[in-house]
Amino acid sequence: MAETVTKLRKKQQSYKKREWTWESFVDAWQDSSSYEEVLEKMGLEDNAKERRFIGGKASYARKKGVPLKKFYRKHRFSNNHWDDLKIRAEQKNNK
């Protein structure tokens, strides 16, 4: 192998700067009923990265004594029939 191998540098990822204040965050959080509403009011995209961002900010604010309300997880309906699967698993275990 040649001694003069050059490695290509990876292109640096550009980050968008989020513009927000604690006051605007608390107002958006308290006036909303879901993460989606908070993101919309703060002008952020609705994706996992931004959800983690606002969730982390809410957690930090609570640790500092700010009494932010809690958002509860949405109940997601499953297509699985859990009782049938339980019976099937028990039948397989008895063999």
Protein backbone atom coordinates (compact mmCIF):
# COMPACT_ATOMS: atom_id res chain seq x y z
CA MET A 1 0.00 0.00 0.00
CA ALA A 2 1.26 3.46 -0.76
CA GLU A 3 2.60 5.62 2.03
CA THR A 4 1.00 8.76 0.69
CA VAL A 5 -2.62 7.91 1.34
CA THR A 6 -4.74 10.91 2.19
CA LYS A 7 -7.93 10.65 4.14
CA LEU A 8 -10.88 12.69 3.06
CA ARG A 9 -12.35 14.85 5.78
CA LYS A 10 -15.97 14.36 6.64
CA LYS A 11 -18.16 17.29 5.89
CA GLN A 12 -19.10 18.96 9.14
CA GLN A 13 -22.74 18.90 9.96
CA SER A 14 -24.29 22.33 10.10
CA TYR A 15 -26.59 22.95 13.01
CA LYS A 16 -29.55 25.24 13.06
CA LYS A 17 -29.51 27.64 15.94
CA ARG A 18 -32.66 27.46 18.02
CA GLU A 19 -33.86 30.84 19.09
CA TRP A 20 -35.85 30.66 22.31
CA THR A 21 -36.04 32.11 25.79
CA TRP A 22 -37.03 30.51 29.05
CA GLU A 23 -40.04 32.83 29.27
CA SER A 24 -41.30 31.83 25.81
CA PHE A 25 -40.68 28.16 26.63
CA VAL A 26 -42.64 28.28 29.90
CA ASP A 27 -45.51 30.18 28.23
CA ALA A 28 -45.66 27.70 25.33
CA TRP A 29 -45.46 24.71 27.70
CA GLN A 30 -48.15 25.90 30.09
CA ASP A 31 -50.52 26.96 27.29
CA SER A 32 -50.21 23.64 25.43
CA SER A 33 -51.62 20.18 25.91
CA SER A 34 -48.99 18.21 23.97
CA TYR A 35 -45.41 18.26 22.74
CA GLU A 36 -46.73 18.98 19.24
CA GLU A 37 -48.34 22.21 20.41
CA VAL A 38 -45.20 23.32 22.25
CA LEU A 39 -43.07 22.71 19.16
CA GLU A 40 -45.54 24.58 16.99
CA LYS A 41 -45.69 27.58 19.34
CA MET A 42 -41.91 27.74 19.58
CA GLY A 43 -41.49 27.43 15.80
CA LEU A 44 -39.57 24.15 15.97
CA GLU A 45 -39.91 21.10 13.74
CA ASP A 46 -41.90 18.13 15.01
CA ASN A 47 -39.22 15.43 15.09
CA ALA A 48 -37.54 13.25 17.68
CA LYS A 49 -34.56 15.58 18.10
CA GLU A 50 -36.70 18.60 18.89
CA ARG A 51 -38.96 16.56 21.19
CA ARG A 52 -35.90 15.49 23.19
CA PHE A 53 -34.79 19.12 23.28
CA ILE A 54 -38.01 20.44 24.81
CA GLY A 55 -38.36 17.40 27.07
CA GLY A 56 -34.87 18.05 28.41
CA LYS A 57 -35.61 21.73 28.96
CA ALA A 58 -38.81 20.87 30.84
CA SER A 59 -36.94 18.39 33.02
CA TYR A 60 -34.21 20.93 33.78
CA ALA A 61 -36.75 23.63 34.63
CA ARG A 62 -38.57 21.27 37.01
CA LYS A 63 -35.28 20.46 38.75
CA LYS A 64 -34.77 24.19 39.23
CA GLY A 65 -38.19 24.46 40.88
CA VAL A 66 -40.39 25.64 38.00
CA PRO A 67 -43.75 23.86 38.42
CA LEU A 68 -44.38 22.86 34.78
CA LYS A 69 -47.36 20.67 34.10
CA LYS A 70 -46.84 17.08 33.00
CA PHE A 71 -47.82 15.77 29.60
CA TYR A 72 -49.01 12.19 29.67
CA ARG A 73 -48.12 9.66 27.04
CA LYS A 74 -50.67 9.05 24.34
CA HIS A 75 -52.29 5.65 24.49
CA ARG A 76 -51.26 3.84 21.37
CA PHE A 77 -53.53 1.12 20.15
CA SER A 78 -51.94 -2.12 19.13
CA ASN A 79 -53.06 -4.45 16.39
CA ASN A 80 -51.89 -7.42 18.47
CA HIS A 81 -54.39 -9.55 20.30
CA TRP A 82 -52.44 -10.01 23.51
CA ASP A 83 -54.77 -12.59 25.04
CA ASP A 84 -54.48 -14.83 21.98
CA LEU A 85 -50.70 -14.44 21.96
CA LYS A 86 -50.55 -15.32 25.65
CA ILE A 87 -52.53 -18.53 25.06
CA ARG A 88 -50.32 -19.41 22.09
CA ALA A 89 -47.13 -18.91 24.14
CA GLU A 90 -48.50 -21.03 26.99
CA GLN A 91 -49.38 -23.82 24.55
CA LYS A 92 -45.84 -23.74 23.14
CA ASN A 93 -44.36 -23.85 26.65
CA ASN A 94 -46.42 -26.94 27.55
CA LYS A 95 -45.10 -28.99 24.61
